[in-house]
Structures are given as C-alpha cells and as structure tokens.
C-alpha atoms as a PDB file:
ATOM      1  CA  UNK A   1      12.047 147.411 178.506  1.00  0.00           C
ATOM      2  CA  UNK A   2      11.808 143.655 178.882  1.00  0.00           C
ATOM      3  CA  UNK A   3      12.176 143.183 175.131  1.00  0.00           C
ATOM      4  CA  UNK A   4      15.304 145.373 175.097  1.00  0.00           C
ATOM      5  CA  UNK A   5      16.761 143.474 178.046  1.00  0.00           C
ATOM      6  CA  UNK A   6      16.165 140.183 176.270  1.00  0.00           C
ATOM      7  CA  UNK A   7      17.779 141.444 173.112  1.00  0.00           C
ATOM      8  CA  UNK A   8      20.798 142.859 175.003  1.00  0.00           C
ATOM      9  CA  UNK A   9      21.170 139.613 176.901  1.00  0.00           C
ATOM     10  CA  UNK A  10      21.157 137.595 173.702  1.00  0.00           C
ATOM     11  CA  UNK A  11      23.700 139.935 172.152  1.00  0.00           C
ATOM     12  CA  UNK A  12      25.985 139.361 175.134  1.00  0.00           C
ATOM     13  CA  UNK A  13      25.662 135.567 174.874  1.00  0.00           C
ATOM     14  CA  UNK A  14      26.146 135.599 171.140  1.00  0.00           C
ATOM     15  CA  UNK A  15      29.264 137.741 171.402  1.00  0.00           C
ATOM     16  CA  UNK A  16      30.694 135.528 174.097  1.00  0.00           C
ATOM     17  CA  UNK A  17      29.981 132.399 172.083  1.00  0.00           C
ATOM     18  CA  UNK A  18      31.266 133.730 168.776  1.00  0.00           C
ATOM     19  CA  UNK A  19      34.373 135.218 170.401  1.00  0.00           C
ATOM     20  CA  UNK A  20      35.511 131.740 171.144  1.00  0.00           C
ATOM     21  CA  UNK A  21      35.129 130.532 167.565  1.00  0.00           C
ATOM     22  CA  UNK A  22      38.209 130.431 165.387  1.00  0.00           C
ATOM     23  CA  UNK A  23      35.956 130.765 162.325  1.00  0.00           C
ATOM     24  CA  UNK A  24      33.654 133.682 161.607  1.00  0.00           C
ATOM     25  CA  UNK A  25      33.890 137.107 160.063  1.00  0.00           C
ATOM     26  CA  UNK A  26      32.508 136.941 156.533  1.00  0.00           C
ATOM     27  CA  UNK A  27      29.706 139.410 155.888  1.00  0.00           C
ATOM     28  CA  UNK A  28      28.134 137.630 152.953  1.00  0.00           C
ATOM     29  CA  UNK A  29      28.260 134.215 151.281  1.00  0.00           C
ATOM     30  CA  UNK A  30      30.183 135.372 148.205  1.00  0.00           C
ATOM     31  CA  UNK A  31      33.166 136.481 150.246  1.00  0.00           C
ATOM     32  CA  UNK A  32      32.985 133.530 152.656  1.00  0.00           C
ATOM     33  CA  UNK A  33      35.660 130.843 152.673  1.00  0.00           C
ATOM     34  CA  UNK A  34      36.201 127.684 154.702  1.00  0.00           C
ATOM     35  CA  UNK A  35      38.808 129.583 156.687  1.00  0.00           C
ATOM     36  CA  UNK A  36      36.556 132.632 157.156  1.00  0.00           C
ATOM     37  CA  UNK A  37      32.962 131.393 156.834  1.00  0.00           C
ATOM     38  CA  UNK A  38      29.659 133.156 157.057  1.00  0.00           C
ATOM     39  CA  UNK A  39      28.355 132.140 160.489  1.00  0.00           C
ATOM     40  CA  UNK A  40      24.550 132.083 160.868  1.00  0.00           C
ATOM     41  CA  UNK A  41      22.962 131.798 164.289  1.00  0.00           C
ATOM     42  CA  UNK A  42      19.809 129.700 164.847  1.00  0.00           C
ATOM     43  CA  UNK A  43      18.022 130.021 168.224  1.00  0.00           C
ATOM     44  CA  UNK A  44      15.028 128.055 169.437  1.00  0.00           C
ATOM     45  CA  UNK A  45      13.405 126.868 172.646  1.00  0.00           C
ATOM     46  CA  UNK A  46      13.435 123.093 172.078  1.00  0.00           C
ATOM     47  CA  UNK A  47      15.580 120.480 173.769  1.00  0.00           C
ATOM     48  CA  UNK A  48      18.396 118.651 171.986  1.00  0.00           C
ATOM     49  CA  UNK A  49      16.248 115.467 172.014  1.00  0.00           C
ATOM     50  CA  UNK A  50      13.282 117.065 170.204  1.00  0.00           C
ATOM     51  CA  UNK A  51      12.691 115.769 166.669  1.00  0.00           C
ATOM     52  CA  UNK A  52      12.716 119.328 165.320  1.00  0.00           C
ATOM     53  CA  UNK A  53      16.082 120.126 166.848  1.00  0.00           C
ATOM     54  CA  UNK A  54      17.521 116.941 165.432  1.00  0.00           C
ATOM     55  CA  UNK A  55      16.172 117.901 161.990  1.00  0.00           C
ATOM     56  CA  UNK A  56      17.711 121.357 162.270  1.00  0.00           C
ATOM     57  CA  UNK A  57      21.091 119.845 163.202  1.00  0.00           C
ATOM     58  CA  UNK A  58      20.877 117.759 160.065  1.00  0.00           C
ATOM     59  CA  UNK A  59      20.041 120.947 158.156  1.00  0.00           C
ATOM     60  CA  UNK A  60      23.092 122.741 159.571  1.00  0.00           C
ATOM     61  CA  UNK A  61      25.408 119.818 158.775  1.00  0.00           C
ATOM     62  CA  UNK A  62      24.132 119.592 155.167  1.00  0.00           C
ATOM     63  CA  UNK A  63      24.557 123.372 154.625  1.00  0.00           C
ATOM     64  CA  UNK A  64      28.149 123.241 155.875  1.00  0.00           C
ATOM     65  CA  UNK A  65      28.949 120.157 153.762  1.00  0.00           C
ATOM     66  CA  UNK A  66      27.313 121.428 150.563  1.00  0.00           C
ATOM     67  CA  UNK A  67      28.985 124.851 150.823  1.00  0.00           C
ATOM     68  CA  UNK A  68      32.420 123.270 151.561  1.00  0.00           C
ATOM     69  CA  UNK A  69      32.438 124.917 154.952  1.00  0.00           C
ATOM     70  CA  UNK A  70      31.784 128.418 153.660  1.00  0.00           C
ATOM     71  CA  UNK A  71      28.487 128.715 155.580  1.00  0.00           C
ATOM     72  CA  UNK A  72      28.238 127.451 159.149  1.00  0.00           C
ATOM     73  CA  UNK A  73      25.077 127.445 161.285  1.00  0.00           C
ATOM     74  CA  UNK A  74      25.507 127.772 165.030  1.00  0.00           C
ATOM     75  CA  UNK A  75      22.465 126.507 166.951  1.00  0.00           C
ATOM     76  CA  UNK A  76      21.371 127.780 170.376  1.00  0.00           C
ATOM     77  CA  UNK A  77      18.718 125.335 171.712  1.00  0.00           C
ATOM     78  CA  UNK A  78      16.866 125.140 175.020  1.00  0.00           C
ATOM     79  CA  UNK A  79      15.708 128.725 175.016  1.00  0.00           C
ATOM     80  CA  UNK A  80      19.257 129.962 175.681  1.00  0.00           C
ATOM     81  CA  UNK A  81      18.459 133.219 173.946  1.00  0.00           C
ATOM     82  CA  UNK A  82      14.913 133.569 175.295  1.00  0.00           C
ATOM     83  CA  UNK A  83      11.365 132.572 174.411  1.00  0.00           C
ATOM     84  CA  UNK A  84       9.932 131.932 170.944  1.00  0.00           C
ATOM     85  CA  UNK A  85       8.529 135.461 170.786  1.00  0.00           C
ATOM     86  CA  UNK A  86      11.785 136.949 172.029  1.00  0.00           C
ATOM     87  CA  UNK A  87      13.754 134.962 169.403  1.00  0.00           C
ATOM     88  CA  UNK A  88      11.499 136.360 166.682  1.00  0.00           C
ATOM     89  CA  UNK A  89      12.023 139.864 167.980  1.00  0.00           C
ATOM     90  CA  UNK A  90      15.793 139.245 168.007  1.00  0.00           C
ATOM     91  CA  UNK A  91      15.584 138.033 164.423  1.00  0.00           C
ATOM     92  CA  UNK A  92      13.691 141.133 163.335  1.00  0.00           C
ATOM     93  CA  UNK A  93      16.271 143.333 165.189  1.00  0.00           C
ATOM     94  CA  UNK A  94      19.121 141.587 163.396  1.00  0.00           C
ATOM     95  CA  UNK A  95      20.549 139.989 166.528  1.00  0.00           C
ATOM     96  CA  UNK A  96      20.118 136.370 165.283  1.00  0.00           C
ATOM     97  CA  UNK A  97      19.879 134.985 161.787  1.00  0.00           C
ATOM     98  CA  UNK A  98      17.277 132.253 162.151  1.00  0.00           C
ATOM     99  CA  UNK A  99      14.716 130.805 164.553  1.00  0.00           C
ATOM    100  CA  UNK A 100      11.905 128.268 164.821  1.00  0.00           C
ATOM    101  CA  UNK A 101       8.395 129.451 165.610  1.00  0.00           C
ATOM    102  CA  UNK A 102       4.917 128.045 165.526  1.00  0.00           C
ATOM    103  CA  UNK A 103       3.552 129.250 162.188  1.00  0.00           C
ATOM    104  CA  UNK A 104       0.596 131.346 163.569  1.00  0.00           C
ATOM    105  CA  UNK A 105       3.130 133.295 165.633  1.00  0.00           C
ATOM    106  CA  UNK A 106       4.270 135.021 162.456  1.00  0.00           C
ATOM    107  CA  UNK A 107       0.819 136.633 162.041  1.00  0.00           C
ATOM    108  CA  UNK A 108       2.200 139.590 163.976  1.00  0.00           C
ATOM    109  CA  UNK A 109       4.413 140.322 160.949  1.00  0.00           C
ATOM    110  CA  UNK A 110       2.302 138.878 158.133  1.00  0.00           C
ATOM    111  CA  UNK A 111      -1.447 138.355 158.659  1.00  0.00           C
ATOM    112  CA  UNK A 112      -1.621 135.444 156.234  1.00  0.00           C
ATOM    113  CA  UNK A 113      -0.009 133.270 158.857  1.00  0.00           C
ATOM    114  CA  UNK A 114      -3.214 133.381 160.926  1.00  0.00           C
ATOM    115  CA  UNK A 115      -4.352 130.710 158.451  1.00  0.00           C
ATOM    116  CA  UNK A 116      -2.202 128.007 159.966  1.00  0.00           C
ATOM    117  CA  UNK A 117      -3.976 128.329 163.283  1.00  0.00           C
ATOM    118  CA  UNK A 118      -7.459 127.854 161.829  1.00  0.00           C
ATOM    119  CA  UNK A 119      -9.394 124.554 162.153  1.00  0.00           C
ATOM    120  CA  UNK A 120      -9.779 122.034 159.356  1.00  0.00           C
ATOM    121  CA  UNK A 121      -7.730 123.906 156.791  1.00  0.00           C
ATOM    122  CA  UNK A 122      -6.379 120.534 155.605  1.00  0.00           C
ATOM    123  CA  UNK A 123      -8.429 117.416 154.933  1.00  0.00           C
ATOM    124  CA  UNK A 124      -5.963 115.028 156.539  1.00  0.00           C
ATOM    125  CA  UNK A 125      -2.231 114.430 157.049  1.00  0.00           C
ATOM    126  CA  UNK A 126      -1.755 113.400 153.393  1.00  0.00           C
ATOM    127  CA  UNK A 127      -3.394 116.612 152.213  1.00  0.00           C
ATOM    128  CA  UNK A 128      -1.290 118.615 154.718  1.00  0.00           C
ATOM    129  CA  UNK A 129       1.959 117.271 153.305  1.00  0.00           C
ATOM    130  CA  UNK A 130       0.820 117.629 149.722  1.00  0.00           C
ATOM    131  CA  UNK A 131       0.042 121.302 150.212  1.00  0.00           C
ATOM    132  CA  UNK A 132       2.910 122.178 152.429  1.00  0.00           C
ATOM    133  CA  UNK A 133       5.457 120.624 150.040  1.00  0.00           C
ATOM    134  CA  UNK A 134       3.991 122.253 146.951  1.00  0.00           C
ATOM    135  CA  UNK A 135       5.716 124.876 144.844  1.00  0.00           C
ATOM    136  CA  UNK A 136       2.885 127.210 145.558  1.00  0.00           C
ATOM    137  CA  UNK A 137       3.475 127.053 149.340  1.00  0.00           C
ATOM    138  CA  UNK A 138       7.220 127.374 148.918  1.00  0.00           C
ATOM    139  CA  UNK A 139       6.704 130.496 146.843  1.00  0.00           C
ATOM    140  CA  UNK A 140       4.449 131.898 149.582  1.00  0.00           C
ATOM    141  CA  UNK A 141       7.060 131.134 152.225  1.00  0.00           C
ATOM    142  CA  UNK A 142       9.666 133.168 150.354  1.00  0.00           C
ATOM    143  CA  UNK A 143       7.274 136.078 149.582  1.00  0.00           C
ATOM    144  CA  UNK A 144       7.603 137.911 152.930  1.00  0.00           C
ATOM    145  CA  UNK A 145      10.958 139.709 152.490  1.00  0.00           C
ATOM    146  CA  UNK A 146       9.256 143.086 152.915  1.00  0.00           C
ATOM    147  CA  UNK A 147       7.932 141.847 156.257  1.00  0.00           C
ATOM    148  CA  UNK A 148      11.443 141.263 157.442  1.00  0.00           C
ATOM    149  CA  UNK A 149      11.726 137.444 157.181  1.00  0.00           C
ATOM    150  CA  UNK A 150      11.513 134.490 154.839  1.00  0.00           C
ATOM    151  CA  UNK A 151      10.351 130.984 155.769  1.00  0.00           C
ATOM    152  CA  UNK A 152      12.798 128.287 154.709  1.00  0.00           C
ATOM    153  CA  UNK A 153      10.692 125.224 155.520  1.00  0.00           C
ATOM    154  CA  UNK A 154       8.180 123.698 157.916  1.00  0.00           C
ATOM    155  CA  UNK A 155       8.156 120.830 160.389  1.00  0.00           C
ATOM    156  CA  UNK A 156       5.003 118.984 161.185  1.00  0.00           C
ATOM    157  CA  UNK A 157       3.750 118.975 164.725  1.00  0.00           C
ATOM    158  CA  UNK A 158       0.988 116.544 163.988  1.00  0.00           C
ATOM    159  CA  UNK A 159      -2.766 116.837 164.297  1.00  0.00           C
ATOM    160  CA  UNK A 160      -4.162 118.390 167.448  1.00  0.00           C
ATOM    161  CA  UNK A 161      -7.115 116.728 169.189  1.00  0.00           C
ATOM    162  CA  UNK A 162      -9.096 117.126 172.408  1.00  0.00           C
ATOM    163  CA  UNK A 163      -8.430 114.976 175.464  1.00  0.00           C
ATOM    164  CA  UNK A 164      -9.967 115.056 178.933  1.00  0.00           C
ATOM    165  CA  UNK A 165      -9.903 113.238 182.242  1.00  0.00           C
ATOM    166  CA  UNK A 166     -12.866 110.993 181.598  1.00  0.00           C
ATOM    167  CA  UNK A 167     -15.111 112.309 178.786  1.00  0.00           C
ATOM    168  CA  UNK A 168     -15.023 111.441 175.072  1.00  0.00           C
ATOM    169  CA  UNK A 169     -15.421 114.447 172.703  1.00  0.00           C
ATOM    170  CA  UNK A 170     -17.259 113.006 169.688  1.00  0.00           C
ATOM    171  CA  UNK A 171     -19.254 116.146 168.732  1.00  0.00           C
ATOM    172  CA  UNK A 172     -19.027 119.863 169.556  1.00  0.00           C
ATOM    173  CA  UNK A 173     -21.873 119.367 172.059  1.00  0.00           C
ATOM    174  CA  UNK A 174     -19.551 117.276 174.200  1.00  0.00           C
ATOM    175  CA  UNK A 175     -17.376 120.382 174.788  1.00  0.00           C
ATOM    176  CA  UNK A 176     -20.117 122.587 176.169  1.00  0.00           C
ATOM    177  CA  UNK A 177     -19.307 123.831 179.653  1.00  0.00           C
ATOM    178  CA  UNK A 178     -15.814 122.315 179.648  1.00  0.00           C
ATOM    179  CA  UNK A 179     -12.781 124.456 180.500  1.00  0.00           C
ATOM    180  CA  UNK A 180     -10.188 123.515 177.839  1.00  0.00           C
ATOM    181  CA  UNK A 181      -6.637 124.763 177.729  1.00  0.00           C
ATOM    182  CA  UNK A 182      -5.663 126.259 174.364  1.00  0.00           C
ATOM    183  CA  UNK A 183      -2.509 127.912 173.071  1.00  0.00           C
ATOM    184  CA  UNK A 184      -2.380 131.634 173.615  1.00  0.00           C
ATOM    185  CA  UNK A 185      -3.464 132.350 170.061  1.00  0.00           C
ATOM    186  CA  UNK A 186      -6.540 134.289 168.964  1.00  0.00           C
ATOM    187  CA  UNK A 187      -7.411 131.561 166.508  1.00  0.00           C
ATOM    188  CA  UNK A 188      -7.422 128.920 169.212  1.00  0.00           C
ATOM    189  CA  UNK A 189      -9.586 130.799 171.688  1.00  0.00           C
ATOM    190  CA  UNK A 190     -11.989 131.770 168.882  1.00  0.00           C
ATOM    191  CA  UNK A 191     -12.155 128.110 167.743  1.00  0.00           C
ATOM    192  CA  UNK A 192     -13.051 126.801 171.134  1.00  0.00           C
ATOM    193  CA  UNK A 193     -15.721 129.468 171.674  1.00  0.00           C
ATOM    194  CA  UNK A 194     -17.199 128.526 168.259  1.00  0.00           C
ATOM    195  CA  UNK A 195     -17.338 124.905 169.492  1.00  0.00           C
ATOM    196  CA  UNK A 196     -19.140 125.856 172.738  1.00  0.00           C
ATOM    197  CA  UNK A 197     -16.267 125.211 175.162  1.00  0.00           C
ATOM    198  CA  UNK A 198     -14.623 127.595 177.575  1.00  0.00           C
ATOM    199  CA  UNK A 199     -11.079 128.476 176.330  1.00  0.00           C
ATOM    200  CA  UNK A 200      -8.356 128.854 178.960  1.00  0.00           C
ATOM    201  CA  UNK A 201      -5.115 130.146 177.406  1.00  0.00           C
ATOM    202  CA  UNK A 202      -2.033 129.112 179.343  1.00  0.00           C
ATOM    203  CA  UNK A 203       1.534 128.013 178.738  1.00  0.00           C
ATOM    204  CA  UNK A 204       2.243 124.387 178.085  1.00  0.00           C
ATOM    205  CA  UNK A 205       4.277 124.096 181.282  1.00  0.00           C
ATOM    206  CA  UNK A 206       1.234 124.922 183.415  1.00  0.00           C
ATOM    207  CA  UNK A 207      -1.074 122.364 181.850  1.00  0.00           C
ATOM    208  CA  UNK A 208      -0.185 119.277 183.968  1.00  0.00           C
ATOM    209  CA  UNK A 209      -0.788 121.035 187.327  1.00  0.00           C
ATOM    210  CA  UNK A 210      -3.951 122.711 186.003  1.00  0.00           C
ATOM    211  CA  UNK A 211      -5.373 119.342 184.926  1.00  0.00           C
ATOM    212  CA  UNK A 212      -4.382 117.849 188.248  1.00  0.00           C
ATOM    213  CA  UNK A 213      -6.038 120.564 190.320  1.00  0.00           C
ATOM    214  CA  UNK A 214      -9.164 120.901 188.166  1.00  0.00           C
ATOM    215  CA  UNK A 215      -8.435 124.421 186.878  1.00  0.00           C
ATOM    216  CA  UNK A 216      -9.098 122.936 183.429  1.00  0.00           C
ATOM    217  CA  UNK A 217     -11.155 119.914 182.395  1.00  0.00           C
ATOM    218  CA  UNK A 218      -9.053 119.013 179.426  1.00  0.00           C
ATOM    219  CA  UNK A 219      -6.724 120.281 176.764  1.00  0.00           C
ATOM    220  CA  UNK A 220      -5.793 119.732 173.118  1.00  0.00           C
ATOM    221  CA  UNK A 221      -2.555 118.670 171.552  1.00  0.00           C
ATOM    222  CA  UNK A 222      -0.969 115.874 169.518  1.00  0.00           C
ATOM    223  CA  UNK A 223      -0.450 112.410 171.000  1.00  0.00           C
ATOM    224  CA  UNK A 224       3.147 113.019 172.183  1.00  0.00           C
ATOM    225  CA  UNK A 225       1.885 115.360 174.909  1.00  0.00           C
ATOM    226  CA  UNK A 226       0.283 112.397 176.645  1.00  0.00           C
ATOM    227  CA  UNK A 227       3.715 110.853 177.213  1.00  0.00           C
ATOM    228  CA  UNK A 228       6.374 113.602 177.091  1.00  0.00           C
ATOM    229  CA  UNK A 229       4.146 115.962 179.038  1.00  0.00           C
ATOM    230  CA  UNK A 230       2.790 113.127 181.241  1.00  0.00           C
ATOM    231  CA  UNK A 231      -0.772 114.341 180.540  1.00  0.00           C
ATOM    232  CA  UNK A 232      -1.827 110.706 180.103  1.00  0.00           C
ATOM    233  CA  UNK A 233      -1.347 110.255 183.814  1.00  0.00           C
ATOM    234  CA  UNK A 234      -4.436 112.386 184.305  1.00  0.00           C
ATOM    235  CA  UNK A 235      -6.335 112.472 181.053  1.00  0.00           C
ATOM    236  CA  UNK A 236      -7.668 109.033 180.101  1.00  0.00           C
ATOM    237  CA  UNK A 237      -9.718 109.804 176.964  1.00  0.00           C
ATOM    238  CA  UNK A 238      -8.094 111.076 173.771  1.00  0.00           C
ATOM    239  CA  UNK A 239     -10.663 111.905 171.031  1.00  0.00           C
ATOM    240  CA  UNK A 240      -9.062 112.106 167.564  1.00  0.00           C
ATOM    241  CA  UNK A 241     -11.045 115.007 166.103  1.00  0.00           C
ATOM    242  CA  UNK A 242      -7.836 116.361 164.529  1.00  0.00           C
ATOM    243  CA  UNK A 243      -9.157 119.921 164.494  1.00  0.00           C
ATOM    244  CA  UNK A 244      -5.880 121.641 163.598  1.00  0.00           C
ATOM    245  CA  UNK A 245      -2.508 120.909 162.011  1.00  0.00           C
ATOM    246  CA  UNK A 246      -0.269 123.766 163.122  1.00  0.00           C
ATOM    247  CA  UNK A 247       3.286 123.472 161.694  1.00  0.00           C
ATOM    248  CA  UNK A 248       6.477 124.809 163.110  1.00  0.00           C
ATOM    249  CA  UNK A 249       8.450 126.882 160.654  1.00  0.00           C
ATOM    250  CA  UNK A 250      12.139 127.765 160.329  1.00  0.00           C
ATOM    251  CA  UNK A 251      12.553 131.427 159.386  1.00  0.00           C
ATOM    252  CA  UNK A 252      15.479 133.595 158.437  1.00  0.00           C
ATOM    253  CA  UNK A 253      15.975 137.340 158.673  1.00  0.00           C
ATOM    254  CA  UNK A 254      15.364 138.969 155.289  1.00  0.00           C
ATOM    255  CA  UNK A 255      18.470 141.080 155.824  1.00  0.00           C
ATOM    256  CA  UNK A 256      20.576 137.956 156.298  1.00  0.00           C
ATOM    257  CA  UNK A 257      18.852 136.209 153.362  1.00  0.00           C
ATOM    258  CA  UNK A 258      19.929 139.026 151.117  1.00  0.00           C
ATOM    259  CA  UNK A 259      23.581 138.601 152.050  1.00  0.00           C
ATOM    260  CA  UNK A 260      23.478 135.085 150.564  1.00  0.00           C
ATOM    261  CA  UNK A 261      24.078 134.532 146.869  1.00  0.00           C
ATOM    262  CA  UNK A 262      21.289 132.945 144.789  1.00  0.00           C
ATOM    263  CA  UNK A 263      23.371 129.751 144.459  1.00  0.00           C
ATOM    264  CA  UNK A 264      23.890 129.498 148.227  1.00  0.00           C
ATOM    265  CA  UNK A 265      20.245 130.360 148.851  1.00  0.00           C
ATOM    266  CA  UNK A 266      19.284 127.271 146.801  1.00  0.00           C
ATOM    267  CA  UNK A 267      21.691 125.138 148.781  1.00  0.00           C
ATOM    268  CA  UNK A 268      20.128 126.352 152.003  1.00  0.00           C
ATOM    269  CA  UNK A 269      16.618 125.669 150.751  1.00  0.00           C
ATOM    270  CA  UNK A 270      17.487 122.203 149.543  1.00  0.00           C
ATOM    271  CA  UNK A 271      19.058 121.426 152.921  1.00  0.00           C
ATOM    272  CA  UNK A 272      15.940 122.732 154.665  1.00  0.00           C
ATOM    273  CA  UNK A 273      13.614 120.612 152.511  1.00  0.00           C
ATOM    274  CA  UNK A 274      15.733 117.529 153.143  1.00  0.00           C
ATOM    275  CA  UNK A 275      15.540 118.120 156.885  1.00  0.00           C
ATOM    276  CA  UNK A 276      11.749 118.321 156.641  1.00  0.00           C
ATOM    277  CA  UNK A 277      11.645 114.922 154.905  1.00  0.00           C
ATOM    278  CA  UNK A 278      13.807 113.379 157.613  1.00  0.00           C
ATOM    279  CA  UNK A 279      11.623 114.920 160.263  1.00  0.00           C
ATOM    280  CA  UNK A 280       8.464 113.364 158.838  1.00  0.00           C
ATOM    281  CA  UNK A 281       9.950 109.908 159.451  1.00  0.00           C
ATOM    282  CA  UNK A 282      11.053 110.747 162.970  1.00  0.00           C
ATOM    283  CA  UNK A 283       7.675 112.339 163.748  1.00  0.00           C
ATOM    284  CA  UNK A 284       5.707 109.283 162.580  1.00  0.00           C
ATOM    285  CA  UNK A 285       7.827 107.084 164.823  1.00  0.00           C
ATOM    286  CA  UNK A 286       7.360 109.423 167.747  1.00  0.00           C
ATOM    287  CA  UNK A 287       3.566 109.363 167.344  1.00  0.00           C
ATOM    288  CA  UNK A 288       3.466 105.570 167.132  1.00  0.00           C
ATOM    289  CA  UNK A 289       5.564 105.279 170.250  1.00  0.00           C
ATOM    290  CA  UNK A 290       3.390 107.776 172.097  1.00  0.00           C
ATOM    291  CA  UNK A 291       0.143 105.996 171.256  1.00  0.00           C
ATOM    292  CA  UNK A 292       1.617 102.638 172.239  1.00  0.00           C
ATOM    293  CA  UNK A 293       2.926 103.937 175.596  1.00  0.00           C
ATOM    294  CA  UNK A 294      -0.223 105.919 176.393  1.00  0.00           C
ATOM    295  CA  UNK A 295      -2.587 103.048 175.635  1.00  0.00           C
ATOM    296  CA  UNK A 296      -0.589 100.192 177.223  1.00  0.00           C
ATOM    297  CA  UNK A 297       1.149 101.895 180.155  1.00  0.00           C
ATOM    298  CA  UNK A 298      -1.161 104.825 180.953  1.00  0.00           C
ATOM    299  CA  UNK A 299      -4.513 103.296 180.164  1.00  0.00           C
ATOM    300  CA  UNK A 300      -5.508 106.079 177.797  1.00  0.00           C
ATOM    301  CA  UNK A 301      -8.484 105.267 175.557  1.00  0.00           C
ATOM    302  CA  UNK A 302      -8.277 106.562 171.976  1.00  0.00           C
ATOM    303  CA  UNK A 303     -11.683 107.437 170.575  1.00  0.00           C
ATOM    304  CA  UNK A 304     -11.751 107.383 166.766  1.00  0.00           C
ATOM    305  CA  UNK A 305     -15.534 107.552 166.050  1.00  0.00           C
ATOM    306  CA  UNK A 306     -15.517 111.358 166.073  1.00  0.00           C
ATOM    307  CA  UNK A 307     -17.882 113.378 163.931  1.00  0.00           C
ATOM    308  CA  UNK A 308     -15.275 115.566 162.253  1.00  0.00           C
ATOM    309  CA  UNK A 309     -17.819 117.024 159.863  1.00  0.00           C
ATOM    310  CA  UNK A 310     -19.834 118.396 162.815  1.00  0.00           C
ATOM    311  CA  UNK A 311     -16.629 120.120 164.082  1.00  0.00           C
ATOM    312  CA  UNK A 312     -15.895 121.479 160.608  1.00  0.00           C
ATOM    313  CA  UNK A 313     -19.391 122.875 160.263  1.00  0.00           C
ATOM    314  CA  UNK A 314     -19.332 124.407 163.760  1.00  0.00           C
ATOM    315  CA  UNK A 315     -16.137 126.330 162.987  1.00  0.00           C
ATOM    316  CA  UNK A 316     -16.874 127.316 159.359  1.00  0.00           C
ATOM    317  CA  UNK A 317     -18.375 130.618 160.378  1.00  0.00           C
ATOM    318  CA  UNK A 318     -15.261 131.499 162.358  1.00  0.00           C
ATOM    319  CA  UNK A 319     -13.049 130.771 159.365  1.00  0.00           C
ATOM    320  CA  UNK A 320     -15.233 133.044 157.237  1.00  0.00           C
ATOM    321  CA  UNK A 321     -14.855 135.819 159.742  1.00  0.00           C
ATOM    322  CA  UNK A 322     -11.099 135.534 159.617  1.00  0.00           C
ATOM    323  CA  UNK A 323     -11.180 135.779 155.836  1.00  0.00           C
ATOM    324  CA  UNK A 324     -13.168 139.023 156.169  1.00  0.00           C
ATOM    325  CA  UNK A 325     -10.980 140.492 158.952  1.00  0.00           C
ATOM    326  CA  UNK A 326      -7.652 139.429 157.432  1.00  0.00           C
ATOM    327  CA  UNK A 327      -7.590 139.552 153.611  1.00  0.00           C
ATOM    328  CA  UNK A 328      -4.242 137.726 153.688  1.00  0.00           C
ATOM    329  CA  UNK A 329      -5.975 134.671 155.133  1.00  0.00           C
ATOM    330  CA  UNK A 330      -8.334 134.461 152.195  1.00  0.00           C
ATOM    331  CA  UNK A 331      -5.319 134.869 149.848  1.00  0.00           C
ATOM    332  CA  UNK A 332      -3.461 131.992 151.510  1.00  0.00           C
ATOM    333  CA  UNK A 333      -6.583 129.796 151.545  1.00  0.00           C
ATOM    334  CA  UNK A 334      -6.913 130.450 147.821  1.00  0.00           C
ATOM    335  CA  UNK A 335      -3.349 129.249 147.348  1.00  0.00           C
ATOM    336  CA  UNK A 336      -4.025 126.144 149.428  1.00  0.00           C
ATOM    337  CA  UNK A 337      -7.160 125.419 147.382  1.00  0.00           C
ATOM    338  CA  UNK A 338      -5.227 125.872 144.147  1.00  0.00           C
ATOM    339  CA  UNK A 339      -2.794 123.084 144.939  1.00  0.00           C
ATOM    340  CA  UNK A 340      -3.803 120.058 142.835  1.00  0.00           C
END
C-alpha cells in the first residue's frame, strides 16, 4: 500500500509539474522536435548543492544542447518524489524515466550489482576509475534491459573507511566488540561481521545522534561525512582502511531507453560519460576540502598506517560466499578482472 501511495503521489506531482510546461508531448526521440520535445524525468534524493546533482544538471544541459532541444531532462531533486528505493520502484513502474541510486541497491533487480557493495573489489582509486570507465563495464551497464533498466554512467562516492570517537582501526582486531553503523545492505552487515565488529544498520540521518548518545561506537563513510554530516564533531579518529568503493549510478527505464533512437542513445551516453568526468574533479576537490576542515577545525586525526591486507584477507571468505550464492557476482568479478 505504501509503495502504491508513493507512486500515486509522484504521478500527481509529475502531472502538475509537466502541465505547466509549454514543451512536452513527444513519445519517442525520432518524432521529437524543439517545439515538441521528448521530456525525460530524473528524480533523486540529493540536494542541489551535492556534486552528483551538479553533474546531472550538466548532463541534462548537454543532452538538450546536443539534440538541439529535441530531448529535455527535467530533474526533481531533494527527494521530491520519494526515497531512493521509491524512485527505483517508480522507474520500474514507468512513472519516471531516470533516477540515481547507490549501485548495490540495484541487486534487487540484477544480482550482479551485489558486487559493488563488496569489500576490496578494487585495488585503489586509480584501479576503480580504470575499471569503471572501461568498455567492458559500459557493456555490462547496458546489458540489463531484460531487468527493466539500463545504467547510463556512474559517479564516484569515494572510498569508505572506519572512524570512531577515539580509537584507531588499524587491523580487524581493533573492531572487535565495537558497534559500527553500516548502510542497510546485506553486503555491509556481512562485511562487518566478517571483520569481528557488531553491525548496526541505520539511516544516515540517525548517525550523528547515535554517535552522540553512544548507541554506536563508530561508523564508516568517506571523508565528506566528517564535515557535511558533522560527524567530526564527535568522531576524532579516521582510519583510512578504504574497505569499499561504492559508486552511485544513473539509471534509465528500459522502456524509455527503447523509445530513443540509436543516434540519440549515443548522445545521451556521451553526455553521461562527460558528466562523470566533471564529477571526478569536483569530488576530488570536495575530499581535499573535507580533510582540511576536519583536521584543522575539528581536530580529527587521520590514521594512514592501516593494514589493508589484513582487512582484505579477513573478508575474502565472505566474497567467496557471495560468488557461490549469486552467480552474477562471479560473472561481474570476472569482467572486472578481465580489464587490462
């Protein structure tokens, strides 16, 4: 019932928004004109100041420019149309055209996407970009039409590491007995259990208060959470174990994708890839600023002498279990390994 209410609510908002637009009405890109364009809706939960939103605005502007106004993308930020899960449900129901989700969230529809939530899939940031920008990965992203969606591109969300109020996490043994907040993903709770910690799944918005009151001893995220989420006010030790690199992905309904001509599909993909490149620059700047602010203004200590190999070994058995349970995970890992 809640899902249906969310979908109906988003339909109402979309209809109200589109009713006020002079443009709109084309059913496919071949019949679209500048006067009567194909209007694609893109909903997400981020603010207008978020680096990913800014990248998606650039994407929309480039698509409109490169199609001479025949395709327009209307963005609904700030969770106007619901949560990330609700947006994905709306996309699958045909209510919206596109959305942004954390890559493992797509595992509900394609089990291979569990892979992106697993620890130490990539060697480092350079390897992550090399693999994610490869032709092999782009082919994989477009291979899920039968699952109801295609992935246009990805946006980095950095490397995730552990941070606590006062304890450095240099080896898995340092996590034993600690209550650590993780994302509400099976891969994340399984990872922390493999490392000996106590996983506590909760929404990001509840983390600050939970750290403050002692419900959790620490959490894990990229460096920007220290500043934008104010976690650095409480957590004073950030240990750069970099256990996961979980990308955001921009996805489109397969039904909508198939209303777009091959030529226009290529324009959309090139615009998406360009927005990813721009986002890398903005993300690097955001990370540098966060580290500077956290260390100088919040007195956060960054611990770099972390035994990453010990973390990798401690979670290797978990990764093997996922390969057995989800054949699609092994298939995607094989693709990742094949990228030279």
